[in-house]
Amino acid sequence: MKTVPLQLVTVNLENGKRGVFVGVPLVEDLKQPSESQVEDIWFSNVQEVPDEITLIQLLKLIRMSICRCEATLQ
């Protein structure tokens, strides 16, 4: 069976609300902690997706979104 590495990022707000974000791992086990410092965080627009979407389809949407964002930043 083929596996896909995923990582959850949980954000807790002061008002008690919580958001959970799913994505490919950003930070791996690095020898030097300074190599993985967060420089910037941004959030995409909210996008409606079908509730029957598979994990593979979701990852494809995420990759396409990241590629579009990187292309506009260059």
Protein backbone atom coordinates (compact mmCIF):
# COMPACT_ATOMS: atom_id res chain seq x y z
CA MET A 1 0.00 0.00 0.00
CA LYS A 2 1.32 3.43 -0.95
CA THR A 3 1.43 5.97 1.88
CA VAL A 4 1.21 9.75 1.86
CA PRO A 5 2.94 11.76 4.62
CA LEU A 6 0.52 14.17 6.29
CA GLN A 7 0.81 16.58 9.18
CA LEU A 8 -1.91 18.32 11.17
CA VAL A 9 -1.48 21.89 12.34
CA THR A 10 -3.88 22.95 15.07
CA VAL A 11 -4.52 26.62 15.83
CA ASN A 12 -6.33 27.55 19.04
CA LEU A 13 -7.91 31.00 19.27
CA GLU A 14 -8.47 32.98 22.45
CA ASN A 15 -12.24 32.73 21.94
CA GLY A 16 -12.05 28.93 22.24
CA LYS A 17 -12.41 28.13 18.55
CA ARG A 18 -9.96 25.72 16.98
CA GLY A 19 -8.87 25.14 13.40
CA VAL A 20 -7.13 22.04 12.14
CA PHE A 21 -5.15 22.24 8.91
CA VAL A 22 -3.94 19.20 6.98
CA GLY A 23 -0.96 19.20 4.68
CA VAL A 24 2.28 17.59 3.71
CA PRO A 25 4.97 17.85 6.41
CA LEU A 26 6.79 21.16 6.33
CA VAL A 27 9.46 20.58 8.95
CA GLU A 28 11.33 17.32 9.14
CA ASP A 29 13.67 16.19 11.89
CA LEU A 30 16.56 18.58 11.32
CA LYS A 31 19.85 18.55 13.16
CA GLN A 32 19.89 22.34 13.56
CA PRO A 33 16.63 23.85 14.89
CA SER A 34 17.57 27.22 13.37
CA GLU A 35 17.23 25.67 9.89
CA SER A 36 13.45 25.40 10.28
CA GLN A 37 12.44 28.78 11.67
CA VAL A 38 9.03 30.00 10.49
CA GLU A 39 9.42 33.15 8.44
CA ASP A 40 5.84 33.76 7.31
CA ILE A 41 2.35 32.26 7.57
CA TRP A 42 -0.49 32.97 5.19
CA PHE A 43 -3.98 31.59 4.75
CA SER A 44 -5.69 30.95 1.44
CA ASN A 45 -9.26 31.94 0.71
CA VAL A 46 -11.87 29.48 1.91
CA GLN A 47 -12.66 27.02 -0.87
CA GLU A 48 -15.73 24.80 -0.99
CA VAL A 49 -14.93 21.17 -1.83
CA PRO A 50 -17.28 18.20 -2.23
CA ASP A 51 -17.71 16.23 0.98
CA GLU A 52 -17.04 12.99 -0.95
CA ILE A 53 -13.56 14.14 -1.99
CA THR A 54 -10.81 11.56 -1.57
CA LEU A 55 -7.52 12.31 0.15
CA ILE A 56 -5.65 12.06 -3.15
CA GLN A 57 -8.05 14.53 -4.81
CA LEU A 58 -7.67 16.91 -1.88
CA LEU A 59 -3.88 16.78 -2.06
CA LYS A 60 -4.03 17.50 -5.81
CA LEU A 61 -6.17 20.59 -5.11
CA ILE A 62 -3.71 21.74 -2.45
CA ARG A 63 -0.72 21.26 -4.77
CA MET A 64 -2.47 23.19 -7.58
CA SER A 65 -3.28 26.01 -5.16
CA ILE A 66 0.31 26.19 -3.92
CA CYS A 67 1.66 26.24 -7.48
CA ARG A 68 -0.69 29.10 -8.45
CA CYS A 69 0.32 31.09 -5.36
CA GLU A 70 4.03 30.57 -5.97
CA ALA A 71 3.62 31.57 -9.63
CA THR A 72 1.96 34.89 -8.68
CA LEU A 73 4.65 35.66 -6.10
CA GLN A 74 7.49 35.37 -8.64
